[in-house]
Amino acid sequence: MSDTAASDATIPTTPSIAIARQAILDSQRSVFGYELFDRSVSAQQHTASSDAQLLFNLLSVADNEALMEKKTLFINCTHDSLAGGHLELVAPDRIVLEIPPLPISQVDQIQTRLPTLQAMHERGFRLAFDYSVLTRSYETWLPLASFIKFDVSVLKPASVSSFVKLAQSKSPAQLVAEKVETAQQHDMLQALGVQLFQGYWFAKPVLVEGQTIRPAQATILQLINLVRQQASTHEIEEVLKRDPTLSFNLLRFINSASFGLRTEVTSFKHAVMLLGLNKLFKWAALLLTTSQAGGVPPAVGSTAVVRGRLMELLAADTLPPEESDNAFVVGIFSLLDTLLGLPMQAALASLSLPETVTHALLYGTGPLAPYLALAQACESGDDEAFASTSLALGLSSNQVNWAHLQALAWAETLLD
C-alpha cells in the first residue's frame, strides 16, 4: 500500500476537469462497468470539446491502466464529438458510447446522423441509447443498440413492466435501469429480465433482524481496536495466530511486490514491526471493507475504498498528517452499515475510533465531513454539491480530478 500523498505528485497543468464514476452492476450484483461523467461542466455546457477533454484527461493525467483494462466504460457523447479524432486514442472494445437523442428541433436529422453511428459501430464501439430509440422516429438507429438505458425515476411504476416487454420485443440490446434507489426496485426489475442496474440501491444498508457480526469480521474488529489502543506486538500477534485467514492475508500483503522487500516475511511479529501500527490499522480497515458478507455487492467495497483513498489524497494538502489518515478511515467506513448489515451507530459502537471520524460518519460534522461530502459528490450527479464543497475546501476541480483518478486506479489494483 502506498502512502504517497497528493502533494508528493506533480499535478499536470491540464485544463480543469472533474471526472465522476458510477458503477453499473449485473444481475449477480458484480460490477459490469462504470459510467464516466465530466463534472467540471454543466449539462448545458456539454460539448464535443468537453468530451474530448474528458478522454484526454482519462488517458493522460493518471495511471489509468487498471481503470481502463478491467471494466467497460460508458462515455457520454454529443453527436459532434463522434467525429472527433480523440476516439482514435481508445480501444473500441473497452468503450460504450452513450448517444443522446436529437433535440426536437433537429429530429429531421436522424437519417443524416445514421452513417456516423454506423461507422462507430463498425469500428467496434458498442452504442447505448435512451428509451427514445424505441420510438418509430428512431427505428433506423435501433439495430445499432447494444444497450438501452431507461430512468426508473421517470417511468411510472405501473408502466415499467410494459416498457421492459416492449424493449425486449423490439431489440436484443441489454437493458440498463438507471436511478435504481431501493432493493425493491432492483428485485422487481430483475424479475422482469433487466440485466444491468445503475443507482445507489446497492450501497444502502439492508438490516436483518438479529444479525450478528461474522467471526472473520469480529476478529478484524478486534485487531483494529488493539491497534487503536496501541497494544503490544505480542497481543496483536496472538490475534493473528488465532485466525488463519487473517494471518494469510497479512503475509500475502506484506510480501507483495508493492513492498519491495528483498526477503520473504514469514513471522507475524516481523510483519507487525515492519508495517507499524499506522499501516497495520489501514490494512485491517481495508480488509474489513473488502471482505463482504454474503449478499453484499462487490461494488460496495470498491466504492468505499475509492472514497477512502480519495479523501486521504485530498486531505493531505490541507490537514495535519494524522487527520489525513483519519480521512482515509472515514471514507472506507462510510459504508460500514451496509457491509455489516447494522445501523451505523451500532457498527461504530464495536470500534475505538478518533472523535473526528465518528462525528463525520454519524453526524456529518467536523473537519472530515466536507471531504466525505466531496467524495460522494464525485460519485454522483450532484454538480452543485461538487462545486460548493470543492470551493469550501479550497480545492480546484483539477486537484480533485487528479486525486480521483489516482484513487480509482489504486482501488482497481487493490481489489484485483
Protein backbone atom coordinates (compact mmCIF):
# COMPACT_ATOMS: atom_id res chain seq x y z
CA MET A 1 0.00 0.00 0.00
CA SER A 2 1.39 3.37 -0.94
CA ASP A 3 1.10 6.27 1.46
CA THR A 4 2.20 8.76 -1.18
CA ALA A 5 0.13 11.89 -0.72
CA ALA A 6 -1.27 14.06 -3.43
CA SER A 7 1.25 16.73 -2.57
CA ASP A 8 4.10 14.37 -3.45
CA ALA A 9 2.84 14.03 -7.01
CA THR A 10 3.02 16.61 -9.76
CA ILE A 11 -0.47 17.61 -10.75
CA PRO A 12 -0.47 18.11 -14.52
CA THR A 13 -1.32 21.54 -15.82
CA THR A 14 -4.26 20.47 -17.95
CA PRO A 15 -7.49 22.45 -18.16
CA SER A 16 -9.63 21.91 -15.06
CA ILE A 17 -11.89 18.90 -15.32
CA ALA A 18 -13.52 16.62 -12.79
CA ILE A 19 -14.48 13.05 -13.52
CA ALA A 20 -17.16 11.14 -11.64
CA ARG A 21 -17.66 7.40 -11.91
CA GLN A 22 -20.85 5.46 -11.21
CA ALA A 23 -20.98 1.68 -11.11
CA ILE A 24 -23.22 -0.37 -13.41
CA LEU A 25 -23.95 -3.75 -11.83
CA ASP A 26 -25.07 -7.02 -13.40
CA SER A 27 -27.75 -9.41 -12.16
CA GLN A 28 -25.20 -11.06 -9.82
CA ARG A 29 -24.56 -7.60 -8.34
CA SER A 30 -20.99 -7.59 -9.61
CA VAL A 31 -19.54 -4.54 -11.37
CA PHE A 32 -20.12 -4.77 -15.13
CA GLY A 33 -18.76 -1.33 -15.93
CA TYR A 34 -18.70 2.34 -14.99
CA GLU A 35 -20.31 5.41 -16.49
CA LEU A 36 -17.95 8.38 -16.52
CA PHE A 37 -19.20 11.94 -16.12
CA ASP A 38 -17.46 15.25 -16.68
CA ARG A 39 -18.34 17.14 -13.51
CA SER A 40 -16.45 20.30 -14.44
CA VAL A 41 -19.17 21.35 -16.88
CA SER A 42 -22.93 21.53 -16.62
CA ALA A 43 -25.20 19.53 -18.88
CA GLN A 44 -25.82 22.69 -20.91
CA GLN A 45 -22.07 23.13 -21.49
CA HIS A 46 -21.52 19.51 -22.58
CA THR A 47 -19.79 19.81 -25.97
CA ALA A 48 -17.59 17.91 -28.40
CA SER A 49 -14.63 19.75 -26.88
CA SER A 50 -15.50 18.71 -23.31
CA ASP A 51 -15.97 15.09 -24.48
CA ALA A 52 -12.50 15.11 -25.99
CA GLN A 53 -11.06 16.73 -22.87
CA LEU A 54 -12.65 14.06 -20.66
CA LEU A 55 -11.00 11.25 -22.60
CA PHE A 56 -7.72 13.14 -22.86
CA ASN A 57 -7.55 13.56 -19.10
CA LEU A 58 -8.51 9.95 -18.53
CA LEU A 59 -5.72 8.81 -20.85
CA SER A 60 -3.11 11.34 -19.82
CA VAL A 61 -3.23 12.61 -16.28
CA ALA A 62 -3.07 9.46 -14.17
CA ASP A 63 -2.09 5.85 -14.12
CA ASN A 64 -5.30 4.65 -15.72
CA GLU A 65 -4.18 1.17 -16.83
CA ALA A 66 -6.11 -0.63 -14.13
CA LEU A 67 -9.18 1.55 -14.62
CA MET A 68 -9.19 1.17 -18.40
CA GLU A 69 -8.43 -2.50 -18.89
CA LYS A 70 -10.59 -4.13 -16.25
CA LYS A 71 -14.08 -2.72 -16.79
CA THR A 72 -16.30 -1.45 -19.57
CA LEU A 73 -16.51 2.34 -19.57
CA PHE A 74 -19.67 4.17 -20.63
CA ILE A 75 -18.82 7.59 -22.08
CA ASN A 76 -21.39 10.33 -22.72
CA CYS A 77 -21.12 11.87 -26.19
CA THR A 78 -22.54 14.64 -28.29
CA HIS A 79 -23.21 13.94 -31.95
CA ASP A 80 -20.49 16.38 -32.92
CA SER A 81 -17.94 14.61 -30.72
CA LEU A 82 -18.46 11.31 -32.55
CA ALA A 83 -16.50 12.72 -35.47
CA GLY A 84 -13.62 13.81 -33.24
CA GLY A 85 -10.21 12.26 -33.61
CA HIS A 86 -9.95 11.65 -29.86
CA LEU A 87 -11.89 8.39 -30.28
CA GLU A 88 -8.93 7.04 -32.26
CA LEU A 89 -6.98 7.01 -28.98
CA VAL A 90 -9.02 4.32 -27.27
CA ALA A 91 -9.61 0.62 -27.91
CA PRO A 92 -13.26 0.29 -29.02
CA ASP A 93 -13.87 -2.95 -27.15
CA ARG A 94 -13.46 -1.15 -23.82
CA ILE A 95 -15.84 1.71 -24.55
CA VAL A 96 -19.59 2.13 -24.79
CA LEU A 97 -20.61 5.42 -26.39
CA GLU A 98 -23.80 6.87 -24.90
CA ILE A 99 -25.67 8.52 -27.78
CA PRO A 100 -28.25 11.18 -26.86
CA PRO A 101 -31.49 11.63 -28.79
CA LEU A 102 -31.56 14.66 -31.03
CA PRO A 103 -33.27 17.85 -29.82
CA ILE A 104 -36.88 18.10 -31.00
CA SER A 105 -35.85 20.88 -33.40
CA GLN A 106 -33.36 18.51 -35.10
CA VAL A 107 -35.30 15.25 -35.44
CA ASP A 108 -35.24 15.70 -39.19
CA GLN A 109 -31.51 14.94 -38.96
CA ILE A 110 -31.99 11.39 -37.68
CA GLN A 111 -31.13 9.89 -41.07
CA THR A 112 -28.29 12.37 -41.56
CA ARG A 113 -26.64 11.19 -38.33
CA LEU A 114 -27.07 7.49 -39.13
CA PRO A 115 -23.85 7.00 -41.20
CA THR A 116 -21.69 8.33 -38.35
CA LEU A 117 -23.33 5.97 -35.88
CA GLN A 118 -22.89 3.06 -38.29
CA ALA A 119 -19.20 3.94 -38.67
CA MET A 120 -18.71 3.92 -34.89
CA HIS A 121 -20.49 0.57 -34.69
CA GLU A 122 -18.37 -0.92 -37.48
CA ARG A 123 -15.18 0.21 -35.73
CA GLY A 124 -16.16 -1.90 -32.74
CA PHE A 125 -17.69 0.63 -30.38
CA ARG A 126 -20.82 -0.50 -28.60
CA LEU A 127 -23.58 2.10 -28.57
CA ALA A 128 -26.05 2.91 -25.80
CA PHE A 129 -29.25 4.87 -26.40
CA ASP A 130 -32.00 6.06 -24.12
CA TYR A 131 -35.56 4.76 -24.45
CA SER A 132 -36.27 7.23 -27.31
CA VAL A 133 -34.60 4.72 -29.65
CA LEU A 134 -37.69 2.51 -29.29
CA THR A 135 -39.91 5.11 -30.97
CA ARG A 136 -40.78 4.98 -34.65
CA SER A 137 -38.72 8.08 -35.45
CA TYR A 138 -35.50 6.31 -34.44
CA GLU A 139 -36.19 2.88 -35.94
CA THR A 140 -33.07 3.08 -38.16
CA TRP A 141 -30.88 3.59 -35.08
CA LEU A 142 -32.33 0.69 -33.09
CA PRO A 143 -30.35 -2.15 -34.81
CA LEU A 144 -27.12 -0.41 -33.68
CA ALA A 145 -28.05 -0.54 -29.98
CA SER A 146 -26.03 -2.74 -27.65
CA PHE A 147 -27.63 -1.10 -24.62
CA ILE A 148 -30.88 0.75 -23.98
CA LYS A 149 -30.99 2.85 -20.81
CA PHE A 150 -34.14 3.93 -19.02
CA ASP A 151 -34.64 6.07 -15.93
CA VAL A 152 -36.74 4.38 -13.25
CA SER A 153 -37.47 7.75 -11.64
CA VAL A 154 -39.12 8.97 -14.86
CA LEU A 155 -41.26 5.94 -15.69
CA LYS A 156 -44.37 5.41 -13.57
CA PRO A 157 -44.12 2.13 -11.60
CA ALA A 158 -47.25 0.80 -13.31
CA SER A 159 -45.71 1.27 -16.77
CA VAL A 160 -42.26 -0.24 -16.08
CA SER A 161 -43.34 -3.80 -16.93
CA SER A 162 -44.95 -2.72 -20.23
CA PHE A 163 -41.85 -0.72 -21.16
CA VAL A 164 -39.46 -3.60 -20.46
CA LYS A 165 -41.60 -6.02 -22.50
CA LEU A 166 -41.72 -3.54 -25.39
CA ALA A 167 -37.92 -3.14 -25.34
CA GLN A 168 -37.37 -6.90 -25.18
CA SER A 169 -39.71 -7.47 -28.13
CA LYS A 170 -38.06 -4.84 -30.34
CA SER A 171 -34.34 -5.30 -29.64
CA PRO A 172 -31.80 -7.82 -28.29
CA ALA A 173 -29.94 -4.93 -26.61
CA GLN A 174 -29.21 -5.21 -22.91
CA LEU A 175 -31.42 -3.02 -20.75
CA VAL A 176 -29.81 -0.72 -18.19
CA ALA A 177 -32.08 0.60 -15.44
CA GLU A 178 -30.88 3.97 -14.12
CA LYS A 179 -31.68 5.68 -10.78
CA VAL A 180 -32.39 2.37 -9.06
CA GLU A 181 -32.51 3.52 -5.44
CA THR A 182 -34.13 0.66 -3.50
CA ALA A 183 -33.71 -3.09 -3.21
CA GLN A 184 -37.41 -3.45 -4.03
CA GLN A 185 -36.94 -1.66 -7.35
CA HIS A 186 -33.94 -3.85 -8.17
CA ASP A 187 -35.77 -7.09 -7.38
CA MET A 188 -38.80 -6.07 -9.45
CA LEU A 189 -36.66 -5.11 -12.45
CA GLN A 190 -34.57 -8.25 -12.23
CA ALA A 191 -37.73 -10.36 -12.19
CA LEU A 192 -38.77 -8.63 -15.43
CA GLY A 193 -35.49 -9.63 -17.09
CA VAL A 194 -33.50 -6.40 -16.81
CA GLN A 195 -29.79 -7.32 -16.83
CA LEU A 196 -27.93 -4.17 -15.71
CA PHE A 197 -28.56 -1.67 -12.93
CA GLN A 198 -27.28 1.81 -12.12
CA GLY A 199 -28.00 3.71 -8.94
CA TYR A 200 -27.19 3.55 -5.25
CA TRP A 201 -29.56 0.79 -4.09
CA PHE A 202 -26.52 -1.46 -3.60
CA ALA A 203 -24.92 0.97 -1.13
CA LYS A 204 -27.97 1.26 1.13
CA PRO A 205 -27.91 -0.97 4.22
CA VAL A 206 -30.30 -3.90 4.32
CA LEU A 207 -30.82 -4.59 8.01
CA VAL A 208 -31.56 -8.14 9.05
CA GLU A 209 -33.29 -8.56 12.41
CA GLY A 210 -30.97 -10.14 14.94
CA GLN A 211 -27.99 -10.20 12.56
CA THR A 212 -24.62 -10.79 14.19
CA ILE A 213 -21.13 -9.94 13.01
CA ARG A 214 -19.46 -12.94 11.35
CA PRO A 215 -16.38 -14.48 13.05
CA ALA A 216 -13.92 -13.12 10.48
CA GLN A 217 -15.37 -9.63 10.84
CA ALA A 218 -15.26 -9.87 14.63
CA THR A 219 -11.56 -10.79 14.54
CA ILE A 220 -10.73 -7.87 12.24
CA LEU A 221 -12.66 -5.53 14.53
CA GLN A 222 -10.69 -6.88 17.49
CA LEU A 223 -7.43 -6.27 15.63
CA ILE A 224 -8.48 -2.69 14.77
CA ASN A 225 -9.26 -1.98 18.41
CA LEU A 226 -5.92 -3.39 19.59
CA VAL A 227 -4.06 -1.22 17.09
CA ARG A 228 -6.04 1.87 18.11
CA GLN A 229 -5.19 1.17 21.76
CA GLN A 230 -1.51 0.80 20.80
CA ALA A 231 -1.40 -2.73 22.17
CA SER A 232 1.85 -4.64 22.32
CA THR A 233 3.20 -6.54 19.34
CA HIS A 234 2.66 -9.76 21.32
CA GLU A 235 -1.08 -9.07 21.82
CA ILE A 236 -1.55 -8.27 18.12
CA GLU A 237 0.41 -11.36 17.13
CA GLU A 238 -1.88 -13.55 19.26
CA VAL A 239 -4.96 -12.31 17.36
CA LEU A 240 -3.29 -13.03 14.03
CA LYS A 241 -2.36 -16.54 15.13
CA ARG A 242 -5.98 -17.32 16.02
CA ASP A 243 -7.32 -16.57 12.54
CA PRO A 244 -5.56 -18.36 9.63
CA THR A 245 -7.39 -16.28 7.01
CA LEU A 246 -6.37 -13.03 8.68
CA SER A 247 -2.73 -14.08 9.06
CA PHE A 248 -2.60 -15.40 5.48
CA ASN A 249 -3.87 -12.08 4.13
CA LEU A 250 -1.33 -10.11 6.16
CA LEU A 251 1.65 -12.18 4.99
CA ARG A 252 0.45 -12.10 1.39
CA PHE A 253 0.09 -8.33 1.61
CA ILE A 254 3.49 -7.60 3.14
CA ASN A 255 5.24 -9.99 0.73
CA SER A 256 3.57 -8.42 -2.31
CA ALA A 257 5.67 -6.70 -4.97
CA SER A 258 4.48 -3.26 -3.83
CA PHE A 259 6.52 -3.58 -0.64
CA GLY A 260 9.74 -4.37 -2.50
CA LEU A 261 11.19 -6.46 0.32
CA ARG A 262 14.31 -8.46 -0.52
CA THR A 263 13.47 -11.41 1.71
CA GLU A 264 10.14 -13.07 2.41
CA VAL A 265 8.47 -12.30 5.73
CA THR A 266 7.10 -15.40 7.46
CA SER A 267 6.85 -14.18 11.05
CA PHE A 268 3.73 -12.35 12.24
CA LYS A 269 5.82 -10.41 14.73
CA HIS A 270 8.20 -9.31 11.98
CA ALA A 271 5.26 -8.33 9.76
CA VAL A 272 3.70 -6.20 12.50
CA MET A 273 7.00 -4.49 13.24
CA LEU A 274 7.66 -3.79 9.56
CA LEU A 275 4.22 -2.33 8.99
CA GLY A 276 3.96 -0.25 12.14
CA LEU A 277 0.65 0.48 13.87
CA ASN A 278 -0.48 3.17 11.41
CA LYS A 279 -0.17 1.00 8.31
CA LEU A 280 -1.49 -2.05 10.17
CA PHE A 281 -4.61 -0.06 11.07
CA LYS A 282 -5.14 0.94 7.45
CA TRP A 283 -4.61 -2.61 6.28
CA ALA A 284 -7.12 -4.02 8.77
CA ALA A 285 -9.68 -1.35 7.84
CA LEU A 286 -9.26 -2.19 4.15
CA LEU A 287 -9.60 -5.90 4.88
CA LEU A 288 -12.85 -5.30 6.77
CA THR A 289 -14.15 -3.23 3.87
CA THR A 290 -13.29 -5.79 1.18
CA SER A 291 -14.37 -8.97 3.00
CA GLN A 292 -18.07 -8.56 2.35
CA ALA A 293 -20.76 -10.73 3.85
CA GLY A 294 -22.90 -12.81 1.52
CA GLY A 295 -25.30 -10.70 -0.49
CA VAL A 296 -23.23 -7.51 -0.31
CA PRO A 297 -22.26 -6.44 -3.84
CA PRO A 298 -18.52 -6.12 -4.58
CA ALA A 299 -19.28 -2.57 -5.71
CA VAL A 300 -19.86 -1.57 -2.08
CA GLY A 301 -16.30 -2.45 -1.09
CA SER A 302 -14.91 -0.82 -4.22
CA THR A 303 -16.87 2.38 -3.62
CA ALA A 304 -15.69 2.55 0.00
CA VAL A 305 -12.04 2.00 -0.93
CA VAL A 306 -12.15 4.72 -3.61
CA ARG A 307 -13.74 7.12 -1.12
CA GLY A 308 -11.06 6.40 1.46
CA ARG A 309 -8.13 6.87 -0.90
CA LEU A 310 -9.65 9.97 -2.50
CA MET A 311 -10.29 11.59 0.89
CA GLU A 312 -6.76 10.75 2.04
CA LEU A 313 -5.23 12.35 -1.05
CA LEU A 314 -7.40 15.47 -0.86
CA ALA A 315 -6.83 15.96 2.86
CA ALA A 316 -3.04 15.57 2.55
CA ASP A 317 -2.58 19.16 1.35
CA THR A 318 -4.90 20.86 3.82
CA LEU A 319 -4.96 18.87 7.08
CA PRO A 320 -2.31 17.58 9.51
CA PRO A 321 -0.91 14.10 8.65
CA GLU A 322 -2.92 12.32 11.35
CA GLU A 323 -6.16 13.82 10.03
CA SER A 324 -5.24 12.76 6.50
CA ASP A 325 -5.02 9.20 7.84
CA ASN A 326 -8.36 9.67 9.59
CA ALA A 327 -9.86 10.92 6.32
CA PHE A 328 -8.95 7.56 4.78
CA VAL A 329 -10.75 5.77 7.61
CA VAL A 330 -13.89 7.90 7.24
CA GLY A 331 -14.05 7.08 3.55
CA ILE A 332 -13.70 3.32 3.83
CA PHE A 333 -16.01 3.13 6.86
CA SER A 334 -18.67 5.35 5.27
CA LEU A 335 -20.47 2.22 4.03
CA LEU A 336 -19.79 0.12 7.13
CA ASP A 337 -23.51 -0.09 7.91
CA THR A 338 -24.10 -1.76 4.55
CA LEU A 339 -21.11 -4.08 4.90
CA LEU A 340 -22.06 -5.27 8.38
CA GLY A 341 -25.84 -5.10 7.95
CA LEU A 342 -26.12 -2.88 11.02
CA PRO A 343 -27.13 0.73 11.65
CA MET A 344 -24.06 2.99 11.53
CA GLN A 345 -24.35 3.75 15.25
CA ALA A 346 -24.23 0.02 16.09
CA ALA A 347 -21.44 -0.67 13.58
CA LEU A 348 -19.22 2.03 15.08
CA ALA A 349 -20.04 1.02 18.66
CA SER A 350 -17.74 -2.00 18.34
CA LEU A 351 -14.80 0.15 17.23
CA SER A 352 -12.48 2.52 19.02
CA LEU A 353 -12.13 5.45 16.59
CA PRO A 354 -11.00 9.08 16.80
CA GLU A 355 -13.71 11.62 17.53
CA THR A 356 -13.26 13.38 14.18
CA VAL A 357 -14.01 10.06 12.43
CA THR A 358 -17.16 9.23 14.40
CA HIS A 359 -18.50 12.78 14.13
CA ALA A 360 -18.09 12.76 10.34
CA LEU A 361 -19.77 9.35 9.99
CA LEU A 362 -22.60 9.78 12.47
CA TYR A 363 -23.42 13.48 12.33
CA GLY A 364 -21.77 14.83 9.17
CA THR A 365 -19.83 17.33 11.27
CA GLY A 366 -16.20 18.18 11.93
CA PRO A 367 -13.21 18.80 9.66
CA LEU A 368 -13.53 15.49 7.79
CA ALA A 369 -17.24 15.75 6.90
CA PRO A 370 -16.73 18.07 3.88
CA TYR A 371 -14.20 15.63 2.38
CA LEU A 372 -16.74 12.81 2.64
CA ALA A 373 -19.38 15.03 1.02
CA LEU A 374 -16.95 15.82 -1.82
CA ALA A 375 -16.11 12.14 -2.33
CA GLN A 376 -19.82 11.34 -2.53
CA ALA A 377 -20.35 14.20 -5.00
CA CYS A 378 -17.60 12.73 -7.20
CA GLU A 379 -19.67 9.53 -7.48
CA SER A 380 -23.00 11.17 -8.20
CA GLY A 381 -24.65 13.65 -10.48
CA ASP A 382 -24.79 16.42 -7.88
CA ASP A 383 -22.87 19.16 -9.70
CA GLU A 384 -23.95 21.80 -7.19
CA ALA A 385 -22.61 19.82 -4.20
CA PHE A 386 -19.36 19.13 -6.06
CA ALA A 387 -18.80 22.79 -6.89
CA SER A 388 -19.74 24.19 -3.48
CA THR A 389 -17.78 21.61 -1.46
CA SER A 390 -14.65 21.92 -3.62
CA LEU A 391 -14.82 25.69 -3.24
CA ALA A 392 -15.30 25.50 0.53
CA LEU A 393 -12.23 23.24 0.85
CA GLY A 394 -10.13 25.48 -1.40
CA LEU A 395 -9.60 22.69 -3.94
CA SER A 396 -9.66 23.17 -7.70
CA SER A 397 -11.54 20.72 -9.91
CA ASN A 398 -8.17 19.78 -11.42
CA GLN A 399 -6.85 18.78 -7.99
CA VAL A 400 -9.95 16.74 -7.27
CA ASN A 401 -9.81 15.10 -10.70
CA TRP A 402 -6.17 14.13 -10.31
CA ALA A 403 -6.77 12.61 -6.88
CA HIS A 404 -9.94 10.84 -8.03
CA LEU A 405 -8.24 9.17 -10.98
CA GLN A 406 -5.39 8.03 -8.74
CA ALA A 407 -7.89 6.66 -6.22
CA LEU A 408 -9.81 4.78 -8.93
CA ALA A 409 -6.68 3.17 -10.35
CA TRP A 410 -5.38 2.33 -6.87
CA ALA A 411 -8.65 0.68 -5.87
CA GLU A 412 -8.80 -1.40 -9.05
CA THR A 413 -5.28 -2.70 -8.37
CA LEU A 414 -6.01 -3.36 -4.71
CA LEU A 415 -9.26 -5.23 -5.38
CA ASP A 416 -7.92 -7.31 -8.25
